[in-house]
């Protein structure tokens, strides 16, 4: 089910990373006391009082003169704010209210979103005397300390109070596979969507998005129907001038969460770049089916040789997603475009497969031979069971859970995939402790 999205906005060095880390219980973002520090981690998941939601750090906004500001808004530069359910503007309690804060607040208000203003770096009640400095905002502010957790419970209560009811975010059951097309800017997503939706033998109709103002497209290929999600933003290219790499991930997050199968578009002329890896990781962690579609294949001089090289490249650079199906195409020339539909069907089928109990019992014996000693005693799998599908999920019951490391999980996954490849879909493996 798609989750609410909370977007953190603010000037550079106001402490957004620290608040992000505390909200997501993460320490993976780089926190450094200087402006403009680049952080790879912009997306995290949080939970408070049973409500799960996504948190996105937009990075530091540098607001220039009015003309520059208007240009940014006109060019849809602040995509992160467009995708938000709740916007949190983070202010610096030590700096006080700055003209840049006021300008950014003015921009945020134009989006008609739920907005929370947070004054960070208020480390204790004795520092709350700085709050009147922020009255010119014309809104209530919440004093917090991202570093020391002062007043953080009140802040989190306020965040979840701004969400719509859970039913708003639920996707109704669908008889058709939901397919998202994602990728970094300029890899040809718009061309591919237009080629798919404009292809002969396809029936296309616009369908209002179920959870927000998105538009999905229902198409039919030889009698099989597919729902392409969030196509409105892909069919017409946006002119984005501000941090396109960061915000392409933000937009992808929403589409990934709504999909059953995600098509990751990669530029054949560029190879696999860092942003491709990040988006692939989002798909994998979300447990969605994955198809890697290598676009602009017509621009390569030796396509047959390049195909084997590209397969090796994907296996090396996206080794966590070796299960993904790979298809080469050209959106411009419409080469092999429709071959994606049988692959979608295959991935959907693989996501619903169930492994027999007998096979899992046999695998347990083989896995036991690979598990390590724990405090001088043998770690053993008592039994395995498949607990769910979409994606396939397995629980392994062992005597010493702490002895089972990530590389053991990867080994177990490899053993399962030897018998059931689960092509195109991740599988989830959980380890539980159990005494005899």
Protein backbone atom coordinates (compact mmCIF):
# COMPACT_ATOMS: atom_id res chain seq x y z
CA UNK A 1 0.00 0.00 0.00
CA UNK A 2 1.41 3.44 -0.87
CA UNK A 3 2.50 5.36 2.21
CA UNK A 4 2.18 9.05 3.05
CA UNK A 5 5.27 11.05 2.08
CA UNK A 6 6.80 13.63 4.43
CA UNK A 7 9.24 16.01 2.75
CA UNK A 8 11.84 17.93 4.74
CA UNK A 9 12.66 21.33 3.24
CA UNK A 10 14.87 24.13 4.45
CA UNK A 11 17.99 26.15 3.91
CA UNK A 12 21.38 24.48 3.93
CA UNK A 13 22.79 23.44 7.29
CA UNK A 14 19.61 23.86 9.34
CA UNK A 15 19.79 20.23 10.51
CA UNK A 16 17.51 18.39 8.09
CA UNK A 17 19.80 15.34 8.01
CA UNK A 18 19.76 15.05 11.79
CA UNK A 19 15.96 15.22 11.86
CA UNK A 20 15.79 12.75 8.94
CA UNK A 21 18.03 10.32 10.82
CA UNK A 22 15.99 10.54 14.01
CA UNK A 23 12.68 10.12 12.19
CA UNK A 24 13.93 7.06 10.29
CA UNK A 25 16.13 5.76 13.13
CA UNK A 26 18.97 5.85 10.63
CA UNK A 27 22.60 6.89 10.75
CA UNK A 28 23.36 6.41 7.08
CA UNK A 29 23.09 10.04 6.00
CA UNK A 30 26.33 11.99 6.27
CA UNK A 31 25.95 14.76 8.83
CA UNK A 32 28.65 17.41 8.67
CA UNK A 33 28.65 20.92 10.09
CA UNK A 34 29.13 22.79 6.85
CA UNK A 35 26.73 24.01 4.18
CA UNK A 36 26.07 22.04 1.03
CA UNK A 37 27.15 18.61 2.21
CA UNK A 38 25.87 16.07 -0.32
CA UNK A 39 24.07 13.04 1.09
CA UNK A 40 23.36 9.89 -0.85
CA UNK A 41 20.53 8.86 1.44
CA UNK A 42 17.47 11.00 0.66
CA UNK A 43 14.73 8.44 1.31
CA UNK A 44 13.86 6.54 4.44
CA UNK A 45 10.91 4.85 6.07
CA UNK A 46 9.50 5.80 9.44
CA UNK A 47 6.80 4.54 11.79
CA UNK A 48 5.08 6.32 14.64
CA UNK A 49 2.11 5.09 16.66
CA UNK A 50 1.50 2.38 14.08
CA UNK A 51 1.46 4.73 11.07
CA UNK A 52 4.12 3.98 8.46
CA UNK A 53 5.32 6.73 6.14
CA UNK A 54 8.18 7.76 3.89
CA UNK A 55 10.57 10.60 4.73
CA UNK A 56 12.44 12.51 2.03
CA UNK A 57 15.26 15.01 2.56
CA UNK A 58 15.22 17.49 -0.30
CA UNK A 59 18.69 18.87 0.36
CA UNK A 60 19.42 22.52 1.03
CA UNK A 61 17.53 25.19 -0.87
CA UNK A 62 19.47 28.25 -1.95
CA UNK A 63 16.96 30.96 -2.63
CA UNK A 64 18.27 33.77 -4.79
CA UNK A 65 16.60 36.93 -6.01
CA UNK A 66 12.91 37.07 -6.84
CA UNK A 67 13.41 36.45 -10.55
CA UNK A 68 15.41 33.30 -9.87
CA UNK A 69 12.81 32.13 -7.38
CA UNK A 70 9.97 32.61 -9.85
CA UNK A 71 11.95 30.77 -12.51
CA UNK A 72 12.43 27.82 -10.15
CA UNK A 73 8.70 27.64 -9.43
CA UNK A 74 7.75 28.05 -13.08
CA UNK A 75 10.08 25.23 -14.13
CA UNK A 76 8.65 22.86 -11.48
CA UNK A 77 12.06 22.76 -9.89
CA UNK A 78 10.72 21.78 -6.48
CA UNK A 79 9.35 18.39 -7.44
CA UNK A 80 9.79 17.03 -3.94
CA UNK A 81 7.17 19.45 -2.66
CA UNK A 82 4.74 18.40 -5.39
CA UNK A 83 4.98 14.77 -4.27
CA UNK A 84 4.53 15.49 -0.54
CA UNK A 85 1.57 14.77 1.67
CA UNK A 86 3.14 16.82 4.46
CA UNK A 87 5.91 19.41 4.08
CA UNK A 88 8.14 20.14 7.08
CA UNK A 89 10.11 23.36 6.78
CA UNK A 90 13.11 23.10 9.09
CA UNK A 91 14.35 26.37 10.58
CA UNK A 92 17.56 27.04 12.50
CA UNK A 93 16.97 28.11 16.10
CA UNK A 94 20.49 29.51 16.37
CA UNK A 95 20.35 31.61 13.20
CA UNK A 96 16.86 32.93 13.80
CA UNK A 97 14.44 33.71 10.99
CA UNK A 98 16.20 34.74 7.77
CA UNK A 99 14.91 36.30 4.54
CA UNK A 100 15.67 32.98 2.84
CA UNK A 101 13.38 31.19 5.31
CA UNK A 102 10.55 33.62 4.57
CA UNK A 103 10.99 33.26 0.80
CA UNK A 104 10.99 29.47 1.01
CA UNK A 105 7.90 29.56 3.25
CA UNK A 106 6.17 31.66 0.59
CA UNK A 107 7.03 29.07 -2.06
CA UNK A 108 5.86 26.17 0.10
CA UNK A 109 2.51 27.80 0.82
CA UNK A 110 1.74 27.88 -2.92
CA UNK A 111 1.61 24.07 -3.00
CA UNK A 112 -1.51 23.87 -0.80
CA UNK A 113 -0.07 21.02 1.26
CA UNK A 114 -0.15 20.29 4.96
CA UNK A 115 2.79 22.30 6.36
CA UNK A 116 4.62 22.03 9.68
CA UNK A 117 7.24 24.58 10.72
CA UNK A 118 9.94 23.17 12.98
CA UNK A 119 12.62 25.19 14.76
CA UNK A 120 15.62 22.90 15.13
CA UNK A 121 18.62 23.16 17.48
CA UNK A 122 16.44 23.99 20.49
CA UNK A 123 18.24 21.63 22.82
CA UNK A 124 16.25 22.20 26.02
CA UNK A 125 13.27 24.15 27.41
CA UNK A 126 15.55 27.02 28.42
CA UNK A 127 16.25 27.71 24.73
CA UNK A 128 12.59 28.12 23.78
CA UNK A 129 12.95 31.86 24.35
CA UNK A 130 14.16 32.04 20.75
CA UNK A 131 10.75 31.03 19.41
CA UNK A 132 9.28 34.59 19.23
CA UNK A 133 11.93 35.36 16.57
CA UNK A 134 9.89 33.16 14.23
CA UNK A 135 6.50 34.83 14.75
CA UNK A 136 6.80 36.78 11.45
CA UNK A 137 6.12 33.45 9.69
CA UNK A 138 2.52 33.89 10.73
CA UNK A 139 2.23 30.26 11.81
CA UNK A 140 2.77 28.09 14.86
CA UNK A 141 6.21 26.53 15.14
CA UNK A 142 7.38 23.45 17.02
CA UNK A 143 10.73 23.68 18.85
CA UNK A 144 12.81 20.49 18.57
CA UNK A 145 16.32 19.17 18.74
CA UNK A 146 17.10 16.59 16.09
CA UNK A 147 20.39 15.86 17.81
CA UNK A 148 19.16 15.56 21.41
CA UNK A 149 15.52 14.53 20.75
CA UNK A 150 14.04 17.42 22.76
CA UNK A 151 10.27 17.66 22.06
CA UNK A 152 10.57 15.09 19.28
CA UNK A 153 7.56 13.03 20.38
CA UNK A 154 5.31 16.09 20.11
CA UNK A 155 6.71 16.77 16.65
CA UNK A 156 6.08 13.20 15.46
CA UNK A 157 2.54 13.30 16.88
CA UNK A 158 1.93 16.43 14.83
CA UNK A 159 3.30 14.81 11.66
CA UNK A 160 0.97 11.81 11.74
CA UNK A 161 -1.99 13.99 12.74
CA UNK A 162 -1.69 15.69 9.33
CA UNK A 163 -2.10 12.46 7.35
CA UNK A 164 -5.35 11.60 5.67
CA UNK A 165 -7.12 8.40 6.85
CA UNK A 166 -5.36 5.17 5.89
CA UNK A 167 -8.16 4.36 3.46
CA UNK A 168 -7.07 7.34 1.34
CA UNK A 169 -3.74 5.65 0.57
CA UNK A 170 -5.14 2.19 -0.14
CA UNK A 171 -5.15 0.90 -3.70
CA UNK A 172 -8.39 -0.89 -4.60
CA UNK A 173 -7.99 -4.45 -5.90
CA UNK A 174 -7.07 -4.55 -9.58
CA UNK A 175 -7.61 -7.26 -12.16
CA UNK A 176 -4.66 -5.94 -14.16
CA UNK A 177 -0.93 -5.81 -13.44
CA UNK A 178 0.15 -2.35 -12.30
CA UNK A 179 3.31 -1.37 -14.15
CA UNK A 180 5.51 1.65 -13.39
CA UNK A 181 8.19 3.02 -15.72
CA UNK A 182 11.01 4.73 -13.84
CA UNK A 183 14.56 5.88 -14.43
CA UNK A 184 16.84 8.85 -14.20
CA UNK A 185 16.24 11.92 -16.40
CA UNK A 186 16.76 11.73 -20.16
CA UNK A 187 16.91 7.94 -20.51
CA UNK A 188 13.86 7.94 -22.77
CA UNK A 189 10.97 7.18 -20.40
CA UNK A 190 8.61 9.59 -22.16
CA UNK A 191 9.42 8.14 -25.57
CA UNK A 192 8.86 4.60 -24.33
CA UNK A 193 5.53 5.42 -22.70
CA UNK A 194 4.34 7.18 -25.83
CA UNK A 195 5.48 4.23 -27.95
CA UNK A 196 3.63 1.77 -25.71
CA UNK A 197 0.45 3.80 -25.49
CA UNK A 198 0.45 4.75 -29.15
CA UNK A 199 1.17 1.31 -30.54
CA UNK A 200 -1.30 -0.28 -32.92
CA UNK A 201 -3.23 -3.29 -31.57
CA UNK A 202 -3.41 -1.53 -28.20
CA UNK A 203 -6.48 0.02 -26.68
CA UNK A 204 -5.60 2.95 -24.44
CA UNK A 205 -7.78 4.80 -21.98
CA UNK A 206 -6.95 7.32 -19.25
CA UNK A 207 -7.91 6.24 -15.74
CA UNK A 208 -7.97 8.63 -12.81
CA UNK A 209 -5.41 7.76 -10.16
CA UNK A 210 -6.94 6.14 -7.14
CA UNK A 211 -4.89 7.78 -4.39
CA UNK A 212 -4.20 11.29 -5.70
CA UNK A 213 -4.26 13.45 -8.81
CA UNK A 214 -2.22 11.01 -10.90
CA UNK A 215 -3.44 9.59 -14.18
CA UNK A 216 -2.98 5.93 -15.06
CA UNK A 217 -3.34 4.44 -18.53
CA UNK A 218 -5.04 1.13 -19.19
CA UNK A 219 -3.80 -0.55 -22.35
CA UNK A 220 -4.62 -3.87 -23.97
CA UNK A 221 -2.15 -5.97 -25.94
CA UNK A 222 -3.64 -8.99 -27.73
CA UNK A 223 -6.42 -9.23 -25.16
CA UNK A 224 -4.22 -8.82 -22.07
CA UNK A 225 -4.71 -5.62 -20.09
CA UNK A 226 -2.06 -3.67 -18.20
CA UNK A 227 -2.31 -0.57 -16.02
CA UNK A 228 0.58 1.82 -16.59
CA UNK A 229 0.69 3.97 -13.46
CA UNK A 230 1.40 7.69 -13.23
CA UNK A 231 1.74 8.12 -16.99
CA UNK A 232 0.62 11.74 -17.09
CA UNK A 233 3.97 12.99 -15.84
CA UNK A 234 5.88 10.79 -18.28
CA UNK A 235 4.07 11.49 -21.53
CA UNK A 236 5.02 15.15 -21.41
CA UNK A 237 8.56 16.01 -20.37
CA UNK A 238 8.99 18.44 -17.51
CA UNK A 239 11.62 21.15 -17.68
CA UNK A 240 13.52 20.55 -14.47
CA UNK A 241 16.46 22.75 -13.63
CA UNK A 242 17.13 22.01 -9.97
CA UNK A 243 18.84 18.84 -8.74
CA UNK A 244 17.17 16.52 -11.23
CA UNK A 245 18.99 13.42 -9.98
CA UNK A 246 17.67 13.87 -6.46
CA UNK A 247 14.10 14.55 -7.48
CA UNK A 248 13.91 11.83 -10.11
CA UNK A 249 14.24 9.40 -7.20
CA UNK A 250 11.48 11.16 -5.28
CA UNK A 251 9.06 10.91 -8.17
CA UNK A 252 10.04 7.27 -8.74
CA UNK A 253 9.25 6.36 -5.12
CA UNK A 254 5.55 7.10 -5.51
CA UNK A 255 5.27 5.12 -8.74
CA UNK A 256 7.24 2.16 -7.35
CA UNK A 257 4.99 1.88 -4.32
CA UNK A 258 1.87 1.76 -6.50
CA UNK A 259 3.19 -0.88 -8.91
CA UNK A 260 3.35 -4.67 -9.05
CA UNK A 261 6.11 -4.64 -11.68
CA UNK A 262 8.57 -1.80 -12.26
CA UNK A 263 10.38 -1.19 -15.54
CA UNK A 264 13.73 0.48 -14.86
CA UNK A 265 14.88 2.29 -17.98
CA UNK A 266 18.65 2.55 -18.50
CA UNK A 267 20.48 4.47 -21.23
CA UNK A 268 22.52 2.02 -23.34
CA UNK A 269 24.98 4.76 -24.28
CA UNK A 270 25.76 5.60 -20.64
CA UNK A 271 25.89 2.14 -19.08
CA UNK A 272 24.84 1.59 -15.47
CA UNK A 273 25.44 4.77 -13.47
CA UNK A 274 25.07 5.51 -9.77
CA UNK A 275 21.53 6.85 -10.03
CA UNK A 276 20.44 3.65 -11.82
CA UNK A 277 21.75 1.67 -8.86
CA UNK A 278 19.85 3.83 -6.39
CA UNK A 279 16.54 3.46 -8.19
CA UNK A 280 17.08 -0.30 -8.64
CA UNK A 281 17.72 -0.52 -4.91
CA UNK A 282 14.41 1.25 -4.21
CA UNK A 283 12.59 -1.28 -6.40
CA UNK A 284 14.33 -4.23 -4.72
CA UNK A 285 13.67 -2.99 -1.18
CA UNK A 286 10.02 -2.34 -2.04
CA UNK A 287 9.70 -6.00 -3.06
CA UNK A 288 8.43 -5.21 -6.55
CA UNK A 289 8.96 -7.14 -9.76
CA UNK A 290 11.80 -5.65 -11.82
CA UNK A 291 12.43 -5.48 -15.55
CA UNK A 292 15.55 -3.66 -16.74
CA UNK A 293 14.83 -2.07 -20.09
CA UNK A 294 17.99 -0.88 -21.85
CA UNK A 295 16.88 1.93 -24.14
CA UNK A 296 18.61 3.67 -27.09
CA UNK A 297 19.98 0.31 -28.27
CA UNK A 298 19.87 1.58 -31.85
CA UNK A 299 22.73 3.99 -31.06
CA UNK A 300 25.25 1.20 -30.39
CA UNK A 301 27.58 0.19 -33.23
CA UNK A 302 27.99 -3.51 -32.34
CA UNK A 303 24.73 -4.49 -30.60
CA UNK A 304 25.40 -8.25 -30.41
CA UNK A 305 28.76 -7.77 -28.71
CA UNK A 306 27.32 -5.00 -26.55
CA UNK A 307 24.49 -7.23 -25.30
CA UNK A 308 26.84 -9.69 -23.61
CA UNK A 309 28.93 -6.85 -22.22
CA UNK A 310 25.81 -5.17 -20.89
CA UNK A 311 24.61 -8.37 -19.21
CA UNK A 312 27.99 -8.65 -17.46
CA UNK A 313 27.79 -4.98 -16.50
CA UNK A 314 24.33 -5.36 -14.98
CA UNK A 315 25.35 -8.50 -13.09
CA UNK A 316 28.38 -6.66 -11.72
CA UNK A 317 26.86 -3.26 -10.94
CA UNK A 318 23.38 -4.48 -9.95
CA UNK A 319 24.44 -7.74 -8.33
CA UNK A 320 21.65 -7.43 -5.73
CA UNK A 321 19.11 -7.55 -8.59
CA UNK A 322 20.53 -10.36 -10.74
CA UNK A 323 17.03 -11.84 -10.80
CA UNK A 324 15.75 -8.95 -12.96
CA UNK A 325 14.74 -9.63 -16.55
CA UNK A 326 16.65 -7.60 -19.16
CA UNK A 327 15.29 -6.33 -22.48
CA UNK A 328 17.01 -4.07 -25.03
CA UNK A 329 14.93 -1.67 -27.06
CA UNK A 330 14.70 1.62 -28.90
CA UNK A 331 11.82 3.87 -27.99
CA UNK A 332 12.42 6.07 -31.03
CA UNK A 333 12.38 3.18 -33.52
CA UNK A 334 9.91 1.10 -31.48
CA UNK A 335 12.26 -1.90 -31.58
CA UNK A 336 11.09 -4.84 -29.47
CA UNK A 337 8.75 -2.56 -27.52
CA UNK A 338 5.91 -5.06 -27.24
CA UNK A 339 8.21 -7.85 -26.03
CA UNK A 340 7.94 -6.25 -22.60
CA UNK A 341 4.35 -7.49 -22.16
CA UNK A 342 5.12 -11.25 -22.12
CA UNK A 343 7.93 -10.48 -19.66
CA UNK A 344 5.48 -8.64 -17.39
CA UNK A 345 3.21 -11.71 -17.52
CA UNK A 346 6.11 -13.98 -16.58
CA UNK A 347 7.16 -11.79 -13.66
CA UNK A 348 3.60 -11.62 -12.36
CA UNK A 349 3.40 -15.43 -12.49
CA UNK A 350 6.74 -15.85 -10.72
CA UNK A 351 5.62 -13.52 -7.93
CA UNK A 352 2.75 -15.86 -7.04
CA UNK A 353 4.64 -19.18 -7.09
CA UNK A 354 4.71 -21.33 -3.97
CA UNK A 355 7.54 -23.72 -3.13
CA UNK A 356 6.56 -27.20 -1.96
CA UNK A 357 7.12 -28.11 1.67
CA UNK A 358 9.10 -31.17 0.60
CA UNK A 359 11.60 -29.08 -1.33
CA UNK A 360 11.99 -26.64 1.56
CA UNK A 361 12.69 -29.54 3.93
CA UNK A 362 15.37 -30.86 1.57
CA UNK A 363 16.90 -27.40 1.31
CA UNK A 364 17.02 -27.14 5.11
CA UNK A 365 19.34 -30.13 5.27
CA UNK A 366 21.64 -28.67 2.62
CA UNK A 367 21.67 -25.25 4.29
CA UNK A 368 22.63 -26.79 7.64
CA UNK A 369 25.92 -27.93 6.15
CA UNK A 370 26.82 -24.30 5.36
CA UNK A 371 25.88 -22.67 8.66
CA UNK A 372 28.59 -21.74 11.20
CA UNK A 373 29.20 -22.71 14.80
CA UNK A 374 27.82 -20.40 17.45
CA UNK A 375 29.71 -20.43 20.74
CA UNK A 376 30.96 -23.88 19.91
CA UNK A 377 27.55 -25.25 18.96
CA UNK A 378 26.20 -25.99 15.50
CA UNK A 379 23.67 -23.57 14.07
CA UNK A 380 20.76 -25.52 12.63
CA UNK A 381 17.68 -24.84 10.54
CA UNK A 382 14.75 -26.69 12.09
CA UNK A 383 12.43 -25.96 9.19
CA UNK A 384 11.51 -23.44 6.50
CA UNK A 385 8.12 -22.28 5.33
CA UNK A 386 6.80 -19.95 2.67
CA UNK A 387 4.69 -17.34 4.41
CA UNK A 388 3.52 -15.13 1.54
CA UNK A 389 3.63 -14.21 -2.14
CA UNK A 390 3.92 -10.93 -4.07
CA UNK A 391 6.84 -11.10 -3.48
CA UNK A 392 7.59 -14.68 -2.35
CA UNK A 393 8.53 -14.63 1.34
CA UNK A 394 10.08 -17.34 3.48
CA UNK A 395 10.68 -17.75 7.19
CA UNK A 396 13.53 -19.91 8.48
CA UNK A 397 13.45 -21.17 12.06
CA UNK A 398 16.90 -21.71 13.58
CA UNK A 399 18.37 -22.35 17.01
CA UNK A 400 20.79 -19.39 16.91
CA UNK A 401 19.36 -16.49 14.93
CA UNK A 402 22.33 -14.21 15.67
CA UNK A 403 24.68 -16.63 13.88
CA UNK A 404 22.90 -16.24 10.54
CA UNK A 405 24.56 -13.35 8.69
CA UNK A 406 23.71 -11.53 5.47
CA UNK A 407 26.00 -13.76 3.39
CA UNK A 408 24.18 -16.81 4.75
CA UNK A 409 20.87 -15.25 3.67
CA UNK A 410 22.29 -14.71 0.18
CA UNK A 411 23.44 -18.34 0.09
CA UNK A 412 19.97 -19.53 1.13
CA UNK A 413 18.38 -17.35 -1.53
CA UNK A 414 20.71 -18.86 -4.12
CA UNK A 415 19.71 -22.37 -3.04
CA UNK A 416 16.02 -21.54 -3.39
CA UNK A 417 16.51 -19.91 -6.80
CA UNK A 418 18.33 -22.98 -8.14
CA UNK A 419 15.05 -24.87 -7.86
CA UNK A 420 12.63 -21.95 -8.35
CA UNK A 421 14.31 -19.10 -10.26
CA UNK A 422 11.62 -16.52 -9.36
CA UNK A 423 12.65 -14.62 -12.48
CA UNK A 424 12.06 -10.91 -12.24
CA UNK A 425 11.10 -10.75 -8.58
CA UNK A 426 12.97 -10.35 -5.31
CA UNK A 427 12.32 -12.83 -2.56
CA UNK A 428 12.32 -12.02 1.14
CA UNK A 429 13.86 -14.31 3.74
CA UNK A 430 13.22 -13.86 7.46
CA UNK A 431 15.09 -15.63 10.24
CA UNK A 432 13.37 -16.53 13.52
CA UNK A 433 14.69 -18.17 16.66
CA UNK A 434 13.16 -21.43 17.83
CA UNK A 435 14.23 -23.87 20.49
CA UNK A 436 13.79 -27.55 19.90
